[in-house]
């Protein structure tokens, strides 16, 4: 029996229909701009996100790193949410690739206009790095899949524009945020100069992300993508998977969100667990183990022995992520295993 894999929504396999779309995709050389399926995906996503132009990239990390190189210069400072992906999960790429430092503000993945403004370095003092970019992650991974409140997004981006500071949306799971909030992807992306989305998470494609923004920014992003080795050849195979995912897998994200809520509610009944159910808004469930309970590594190991895969996010923090390869029945089974271990 295959394990119930809740380590991430990146572990999905292409469906049979997605594989058929990939096999039938018209292809060309994308470095020459001649891959018709990639061109169609970029046009479609630019429209979905309400931006002038879009650019396919191999991974979400590369999309984030390219965005930093487009919107900042070495020595600049970036303001982002506490425990953001760019600072915690990209192996120091912001410093190595863009030469910037990240200042984390707020709590639980969220911050306000006031917290953003308080973190901006004063201009004109040579000892300070210039603050040139604000980055928002929506949904927020380490925040438990939180949807960033749009009123705060608009206030923060408005304050940034007033000060000549660029704005970037790490929207790897923006599809989840759109479904959970009832707002379109274009509405969520509207305040930002650049926005990134991923196809290999909730949508279930085997790879690929995308940047969207004004034409002049995407031209620069394309050069940076080439510099980082991210330009592809017959990329239509990946693009076809993404197009299929956009058409077939976006609305079903509601099922993942419902499964995450069911799992969270089952775990919350365990006295050994500290979990804030208000943070379970999409497909990520994060809980902390109280003193006296087993640590995260021990729980992960024991769960694996019983066919349930979850991740240790810290010494006493565990994460589970629902996705299209896990059914409601499997979630019920995983909850049963985890509750027995936590008891």
Foldseek 3Di string as FASTA:
>chain_A
DAFAEFAALLPFDFDPVLQVLLVPQQFFFVVVPPGVLQQVLFVVVCVLQVADTKDKFWALLLVVLLLLQLQDAAQAEEEFAPPACNVPPNVCSCCVRRNYYYDHWDPLQEDALVRLVVPADDPPDVVDHHHAEYEHEALGASSFRAGYDQVRVQSNLVVCVVVNHAYEYSPQVVLQNCLLVVHGNNSSNVSHQKYKYWCSGQLNQNTMMMMGHYPVSVVSSVVVCVVVVGRGTGCSSRSSSSVCSVVPGSNVQVQLLVLQLVLQVLVVVQPQWDFDSVSSRGFKGKIFGHPPFQWPVVLQVQLVVVRYHWDRPDRGMIMGGGHDVAHSVNSVVSSVSSSVRSD
